[in-house]
Amino acid sequence: MFYSAPALLNHNRERQFGTVIAEAKNNLIVVDDEIIREHVYLIPKTKVDYYSDRQLYFNVPESSLKDFEI
């Protein structure tokens, strides 16, 4: 899949909120920092709006990221 791919918010394509590090069933695991991992998100694959050049764009508002935090 797209391990170590930048995860960006679709509404603001310049805003990287983390890096995809793994896949778990129908979800992608995204961390905000690969070393510290202060925030870890479990985001459904259905929230991937599109991808290109090894970047994933998620259709998730920044204000709702906390809903996916684990």
PDB file of N, CA and C in Angstrom:
ATOM      1  N   MET A   1       0.846  -1.193   0.000  1.00  0.00           N
ATOM      2  CA  MET A   1       0.000   0.000   0.000  1.00  0.00           C
ATOM      3  C   MET A   1       0.876   1.235   0.000  1.00  0.00           C
ATOM      4  N   PHE A   2       0.519   2.273   0.728  1.00  0.00           N
ATOM      5  CA  PHE A   2       1.183   3.568   0.679  1.00  0.00           C
ATOM      6  C   PHE A   2       1.931   3.866   1.972  1.00  0.00           C
ATOM      7  N   TYR A   3       2.680   2.927   2.465  1.00  0.00           N
ATOM      8  CA  TYR A   3       3.372   3.136   3.728  1.00  0.00           C
ATOM      9  C   TYR A   3       4.416   4.222   3.561  1.00  0.00           C
ATOM     10  N   SER A   4       4.491   5.095   4.542  1.00  0.00           N
ATOM     11  CA  SER A   4       5.363   6.271   4.554  1.00  0.00           C
ATOM     12  C   SER A   4       4.927   7.326   3.546  1.00  0.00           C
ATOM     13  N   ALA A   5       3.684   7.284   3.125  1.00  0.00           N
ATOM     14  CA  ALA A   5       3.152   8.296   2.225  1.00  0.00           C
ATOM     15  C   ALA A   5       2.586   9.453   3.036  1.00  0.00           C
ATOM     16  N   PRO A   6       2.810  10.683   2.599  1.00  0.00           N
ATOM     17  CA  PRO A   6       2.230  11.828   3.290  1.00  0.00           C
ATOM     18  C   PRO A   6       0.706  11.781   3.245  1.00  0.00           C
ATOM     19  N   ALA A   7       0.073  12.120   4.357  1.00  0.00           N
ATOM     20  CA  ALA A   7      -1.382  12.199   4.450  1.00  0.00           C
ATOM     21  C   ALA A   7      -1.768  13.666   4.497  1.00  0.00           C
ATOM     22  N   LEU A   8      -2.554  14.086   3.530  1.00  0.00           N
ATOM     23  CA  LEU A   8      -2.955  15.482   3.425  1.00  0.00           C
ATOM     24  C   LEU A   8      -4.457  15.615   3.523  1.00  0.00           C
ATOM     25  N   LEU A   9      -4.898  16.777   3.982  1.00  0.00           N
ATOM     26  CA  LEU A   9      -6.326  17.058   4.061  1.00  0.00           C
ATOM     27  C   LEU A   9      -6.773  17.606   2.722  1.00  0.00           C
ATOM     28  N   ASN A  10      -7.835  17.059   2.177  1.00  0.00           N
ATOM     29  CA  ASN A  10      -8.296  17.407   0.839  1.00  0.00           C
ATOM     30  C   ASN A  10      -8.696  18.870   0.704  1.00  0.00           C
ATOM     31  N   HIS A  11      -9.320  19.424   1.727  1.00  0.00           N
ATOM     32  CA  HIS A  11      -9.769  20.806   1.610  1.00  0.00           C
ATOM     33  C   HIS A  11      -8.612  21.793   1.623  1.00  0.00           C
ATOM     34  N   ASN A  12      -7.449  21.352   2.090  1.00  0.00           N
ATOM     35  CA  ASN A  12      -6.267  22.219   2.129  1.00  0.00           C
ATOM     36  C   ASN A  12      -5.072  21.368   1.712  1.00  0.00           C
ATOM     37  N   ARG A  13      -4.805  21.269   0.459  1.00  0.00           N
ATOM     38  CA  ARG A  13      -3.806  20.337  -0.068  1.00  0.00           C
ATOM     39  C   ARG A  13      -2.389  20.624   0.390  1.00  0.00           C
ATOM     40  N   GLU A  14      -2.183  21.742   0.997  1.00  0.00           N
ATOM     41  CA  GLU A  14      -0.861  22.060   1.520  1.00  0.00           C
ATOM     42  C   GLU A  14      -0.704  21.611   2.971  1.00  0.00           C
ATOM     43  N   ARG A  15      -1.751  21.128   3.583  1.00  0.00           N
ATOM     44  CA  ARG A  15      -1.723  20.771   5.015  1.00  0.00           C
ATOM     45  C   ARG A  15      -1.506  19.278   5.181  1.00  0.00           C
ATOM     46  N   GLN A  16      -0.262  18.917   5.486  1.00  0.00           N
ATOM     47  CA  GLN A  16       0.030  17.517   5.797  1.00  0.00           C
ATOM     48  C   GLN A  16      -0.192  17.320   7.282  1.00  0.00           C
ATOM     49  N   PHE A  17      -1.039  16.356   7.623  1.00  0.00           N
ATOM     50  CA  PHE A  17      -1.326  16.120   9.037  1.00  0.00           C
ATOM     51  C   PHE A  17      -0.649  14.873   9.564  1.00  0.00           C
ATOM     52  N   GLY A  18       0.017  14.123   8.699  1.00  0.00           N
ATOM     53  CA  GLY A  18       0.703  12.932   9.174  1.00  0.00           C
ATOM     54  C   GLY A  18       1.237  12.091   8.034  1.00  0.00           C
ATOM     55  N   THR A  19       1.609  10.869   8.405  1.00  0.00           N
ATOM     56  CA  THR A  19       2.170   9.912   7.467  1.00  0.00           C
ATOM     57  C   THR A  19       1.454   8.580   7.638  1.00  0.00           C
ATOM     58  N   VAL A  20       1.069   7.977   6.526  1.00  0.00           N
ATOM     59  CA  VAL A  20       0.451   6.652   6.570  1.00  0.00           C
ATOM     60  C   VAL A  20       1.558   5.645   6.865  1.00  0.00           C
ATOM     61  N   ILE A  21       1.377   4.863   7.935  1.00  0.00           N
ATOM     62  CA  ILE A  21       2.428   3.904   8.290  1.00  0.00           C
ATOM     63  C   ILE A  21       1.995   2.450   8.164  1.00  0.00           C
ATOM     64  N   ALA A  22       0.673   2.201   8.090  1.00  0.00           N
ATOM     65  CA  ALA A  22       0.212   0.814   8.027  1.00  0.00           C
ATOM     66  C   ALA A  22      -1.235   0.766   7.577  1.00  0.00           C
ATOM     67  N   GLU A  23      -1.645  -0.456   7.307  1.00  0.00           N
ATOM     68  CA  GLU A  23      -3.009  -0.743   6.893  1.00  0.00           C
ATOM     69  C   GLU A  23      -3.570  -1.772   7.865  1.00  0.00           C
ATOM     70  N   ALA A  24      -4.801  -1.557   8.312  1.00  0.00           N
ATOM     71  CA  ALA A  24      -5.449  -2.491   9.232  1.00  0.00           C
ATOM     72  C   ALA A  24      -6.873  -2.721   8.751  1.00  0.00           C
ATOM     73  N   LYS A  25      -7.067  -3.840   8.064  1.00  0.00           N
ATOM     74  CA  LYS A  25      -8.367  -4.184   7.471  1.00  0.00           C
ATOM     75  C   LYS A  25      -8.817  -3.071   6.532  1.00  0.00           C
ATOM     76  N   ASN A  26      -9.890  -2.389   6.873  1.00  0.00           N
ATOM     77  CA  ASN A  26     -10.424  -1.334   6.014  1.00  0.00           C
ATOM     78  C   ASN A  26     -10.020   0.062   6.468  1.00  0.00           C
ATOM     79  N   ASN A  27      -8.928   0.140   7.224  1.00  0.00           N
ATOM     80  CA  ASN A  27      -8.466   1.414   7.764  1.00  0.00           C
ATOM     81  C   ASN A  27      -6.994   1.636   7.441  1.00  0.00           C
ATOM     82  N   LEU A  28      -6.591   2.895   7.501  1.00  0.00           N
ATOM     83  CA  LEU A  28      -5.185   3.256   7.378  1.00  0.00           C
ATOM     84  C   LEU A  28      -4.752   3.878   8.694  1.00  0.00           C
ATOM     85  N   ILE A  29      -3.565   3.548   9.130  1.00  0.00           N
ATOM     86  CA  ILE A  29      -3.021   4.110  10.359  1.00  0.00           C
ATOM     87  C   ILE A  29      -2.108   5.261   9.970  1.00  0.00           C
ATOM     88  N   VAL A  30      -2.416   6.436  10.518  1.00  0.00           N
ATOM     89  CA  VAL A  30      -1.679   7.652  10.220  1.00  0.00           C
ATOM     90  C   VAL A  30      -1.117   8.192  11.530  1.00  0.00           C
ATOM     91  N   VAL A  31       0.170   8.557  11.516  1.00  0.00           N
ATOM     92  CA  VAL A  31       0.795   9.172  12.686  1.00  0.00           C
ATOM     93  C   VAL A  31       1.216  10.584  12.319  1.00  0.00           C
ATOM     94  N   ASP A  32       1.165  11.485  13.308  1.00  0.00           N
ATOM     95  CA  ASP A  32       1.548  12.860  13.020  1.00  0.00           C
ATOM     96  C   ASP A  32       3.063  13.025  12.960  1.00  0.00           C
ATOM     97  N   ASP A  33       3.781  12.168  13.650  1.00  0.00           N
ATOM     98  CA  ASP A  33       5.237  12.205  13.642  1.00  0.00           C
ATOM     99  C   ASP A  33       5.712  10.759  13.760  1.00  0.00           C
ATOM    100  N   GLU A  34       6.504  10.301  12.809  1.00  0.00           N
ATOM    101  CA  GLU A  34       6.905   8.890  12.788  1.00  0.00           C
ATOM    102  C   GLU A  34       7.775   8.496  13.981  1.00  0.00           C
ATOM    103  N   ILE A  35       8.404   9.458  14.633  1.00  0.00           N
ATOM    104  CA  ILE A  35       9.266   9.140  15.777  1.00  0.00           C
ATOM    105  C   ILE A  35       8.506   9.308  17.089  1.00  0.00           C
ATOM    106  N   ILE A  36       7.934  10.467  17.306  1.00  0.00           N
ATOM    107  CA  ILE A  36       7.251  10.756  18.577  1.00  0.00           C
ATOM    108  C   ILE A  36       5.871  10.119  18.643  1.00  0.00           C
ATOM    109  N   ARG A  37       5.148  10.132  17.528  1.00  0.00           N
ATOM    110  CA  ARG A  37       3.792   9.572  17.446  1.00  0.00           C
ATOM    111  C   ARG A  37       2.868  10.100  18.536  1.00  0.00           C
ATOM    112  N   GLU A  38       2.827  11.412  18.642  1.00  0.00           N
ATOM    113  CA  GLU A  38       1.955  12.033  19.629  1.00  0.00           C
ATOM    114  C   GLU A  38       0.481  11.768  19.316  1.00  0.00           C
ATOM    115  N   HIS A  39       0.137  11.802  18.034  1.00  0.00           N
ATOM    116  CA  HIS A  39      -1.232  11.530  17.615  1.00  0.00           C
ATOM    117  C   HIS A  39      -1.213  10.389  16.603  1.00  0.00           C
ATOM    118  N   VAL A  40      -2.058   9.402  16.845  1.00  0.00           N
ATOM    119  CA  VAL A  40      -2.198   8.259  15.936  1.00  0.00           C
ATOM    120  C   VAL A  40      -3.669   8.183  15.542  1.00  0.00           C
ATOM    121  N   TYR A  41      -3.903   8.098  14.238  1.00  0.00           N
ATOM    122  CA  TYR A  41      -5.264   8.090  13.715  1.00  0.00           C
ATOM    123  C   TYR A  41      -5.547   6.777  12.994  1.00  0.00           C
ATOM    124  N   LEU A  42      -6.743   6.282  13.159  1.00  0.00           N
ATOM    125  CA  LEU A  42      -7.234   5.108  12.439  1.00  0.00           C
ATOM    126  C   LEU A  42      -8.351   5.623  11.532  1.00  0.00           C
ATOM    127  N   ILE A  43      -8.022   5.803  10.248  1.00  0.00           N
ATOM    128  CA  ILE A  43      -8.950   6.447   9.320  1.00  0.00           C
ATOM    129  C   ILE A  43      -9.438   5.431   8.297  1.00  0.00           C
ATOM    130  N   PRO A  44     -10.758   5.317   8.141  1.00  0.00           N
ATOM    131  CA  PRO A  44     -11.309   4.368   7.165  1.00  0.00           C
ATOM    132  C   PRO A  44     -10.816   4.685   5.747  1.00  0.00           C
ATOM    133  N   LYS A  45     -10.577   3.637   4.986  1.00  0.00           N
ATOM    134  CA  LYS A  45     -10.147   3.821   3.596  1.00  0.00           C
ATOM    135  C   LYS A  45     -11.195   4.580   2.791  1.00  0.00           C
ATOM    136  N   THR A  46     -12.439   4.514   3.216  1.00  0.00           N
ATOM    137  CA  THR A  46     -13.495   5.237   2.507  1.00  0.00           C
ATOM    138  C   THR A  46     -13.304   6.751   2.587  1.00  0.00           C
ATOM    139  N   LYS A  47     -12.482   7.216   3.516  1.00  0.00           N
ATOM    140  CA  LYS A  47     -12.213   8.645   3.663  1.00  0.00           C
ATOM    141  C   LYS A  47     -11.080   9.117   2.762  1.00  0.00           C
ATOM    142  N   VAL A  48     -10.433   8.195   2.040  1.00  0.00           N
ATOM    143  CA  VAL A  48      -9.406   8.592   1.078  1.00  0.00           C
ATOM    144  C   VAL A  48     -10.138   9.166  -0.129  1.00  0.00           C
ATOM    145  N   ASP A  49      -9.919  10.442  -0.379  1.00  0.00           N
ATOM    146  CA  ASP A  49     -10.590  11.102  -1.497  1.00  0.00           C
ATOM    147  C   ASP A  49      -9.906  10.732  -2.801  1.00  0.00           C
ATOM    148  N   TYR A  50      -8.595  10.842  -2.843  1.00  0.00           N
ATOM    149  CA  TYR A  50      -7.819  10.384  -3.991  1.00  0.00           C
ATOM    150  C   TYR A  50      -6.351  10.365  -3.621  1.00  0.00           C
ATOM    151  N   TYR A  51      -5.553   9.801  -4.482  1.00  0.00           N
ATOM    152  CA  TYR A  51      -4.122   9.744  -4.233  1.00  0.00           C
ATOM    153  C   TYR A  51      -3.380   9.967  -5.539  1.00  0.00           C
ATOM    154  N   SER A  52      -2.189  10.512  -5.405  1.00  0.00           N
ATOM    155  CA  SER A  52      -1.319  10.721  -6.563  1.00  0.00           C
ATOM    156  C   SER A  52       0.094  10.976  -6.066  1.00  0.00           C
ATOM    157  N   ASP A  53       1.043  10.597  -6.870  1.00  0.00           N
ATOM    158  CA  ASP A  53       2.454  10.814  -6.528  1.00  0.00           C
ATOM    159  C   ASP A  53       2.786  10.359  -5.111  1.00  0.00           C
ATOM    160  N   ARG A  54       2.220   9.215  -4.728  1.00  0.00           N
ATOM    161  CA  ARG A  54       2.481   8.639  -3.410  1.00  0.00           C
ATOM    162  C   ARG A  54       2.036   9.545  -2.263  1.00  0.00           C
ATOM    163  N   GLN A  55       1.025  10.353  -2.483  1.00  0.00           N
ATOM    164  CA  GLN A  55       0.404  11.157  -1.444  1.00  0.00           C
ATOM    165  C   GLN A  55      -1.066  10.772  -1.370  1.00  0.00           C
ATOM    166  N   LEU A  56      -1.594  10.721  -0.161  1.00  0.00           N
ATOM    167  CA  LEU A  56      -3.012  10.418   0.017  1.00  0.00           C
ATOM    168  C   LEU A  56      -3.740  11.663   0.486  1.00  0.00           C
ATOM    169  N   TYR A  57      -4.864  11.924  -0.127  1.00  0.00           N
ATOM    170  CA  TYR A  57      -5.684  13.062   0.241  1.00  0.00           C
ATOM    171  C   TYR A  57      -6.952  12.528   0.902  1.00  0.00           C
ATOM    172  N   PHE A  58      -7.153  12.930   2.147  1.00  0.00           N
ATOM    173  CA  PHE A  58      -8.295  12.458   2.915  1.00  0.00           C
ATOM    174  C   PHE A  58      -9.405  13.488   2.915  1.00  0.00           C
ATOM    175  N   ASN A  59     -10.634  13.014   2.787  1.00  0.00           N
ATOM    176  CA  ASN A  59     -11.811  13.861   2.838  1.00  0.00           C
ATOM    177  C   ASN A  59     -12.289  13.933   4.290  1.00  0.00           C
ATOM    178  N   VAL A  60     -11.459  14.557   5.124  1.00  0.00           N
ATOM    179  CA  VAL A  60     -11.732  14.674   6.552  1.00  0.00           C
ATOM    180  C   VAL A  60     -11.430  16.110   6.967  1.00  0.00           C
ATOM    181  N   PRO A  61     -12.391  16.815   7.564  1.00  0.00           N
ATOM    182  CA  PRO A  61     -12.091  18.159   8.052  1.00  0.00           C
ATOM    183  C   PRO A  61     -11.084  18.100   9.205  1.00  0.00           C
ATOM    184  N   GLU A  62     -10.222  19.070   9.256  1.00  0.00           N
ATOM    185  CA  GLU A  62      -9.212  19.084  10.315  1.00  0.00           C
ATOM    186  C   GLU A  62      -9.839  19.051  11.700  1.00  0.00           C
ATOM    187  N   SER A  63     -10.993  19.697  11.836  1.00  0.00           N
ATOM    188  CA  SER A  63     -11.662  19.743  13.139  1.00  0.00           C
ATOM    189  C   SER A  63     -12.160  18.362  13.593  1.00  0.00           C
ATOM    190  N   SER A  64     -12.318  17.412  12.667  1.00  0.00           N
ATOM    191  CA  SER A  64     -12.808  16.079  13.058  1.00  0.00           C
ATOM    192  C   SER A  64     -11.695  15.030  13.161  1.00  0.00           C
ATOM    193  N   LEU A  65     -10.455  15.418  12.997  1.00  0.00           N
ATOM    194  CA  LEU A  65      -9.368  14.452  13.123  1.00  0.00           C
ATOM    195  C   LEU A  65      -9.378  13.758  14.480  1.00  0.00           C
ATOM    196  N   LYS A  66      -9.745  14.482  15.520  1.00  0.00           N
ATOM    197  CA  LYS A  66      -9.764  13.903  16.866  1.00  0.00           C
ATOM    198  C   LYS A  66     -10.739  12.723  16.963  1.00  0.00           C
ATOM    199  N   ASP A  67     -11.760  12.693  16.084  1.00  0.00           N
ATOM    200  CA  ASP A  67     -12.718  11.578  16.070  1.00  0.00           C
ATOM    201  C   ASP A  67     -12.074  10.267  15.633  1.00  0.00           C
ATOM    202  N   PHE A  68     -10.966  10.350  14.917  1.00  0.00           N
ATOM    203  CA  PHE A  68     -10.277   9.166  14.416  1.00  0.00           C
ATOM    204  C   PHE A  68      -9.037   8.806  15.237  1.00  0.00           C
ATOM    205  N   GLU A  69      -8.766   9.589  16.268  1.00  0.00           N
ATOM    206  CA  GLU A  69      -7.572   9.373  17.079  1.00  0.00           C
ATOM    207  C   GLU A  69      -7.730   8.135  17.957  1.00  0.00           C
ATOM    208  N   ILE A  70      -6.637   7.345  18.043  1.00  0.00           N
ATOM    209  CA  ILE A  70      -6.674   6.165  18.910  1.00  0.00           C
ATOM    210  C   ILE A  70      -5.622   6.280  19.985  1.00  0.00           C
TER     211      ILE A  70
END
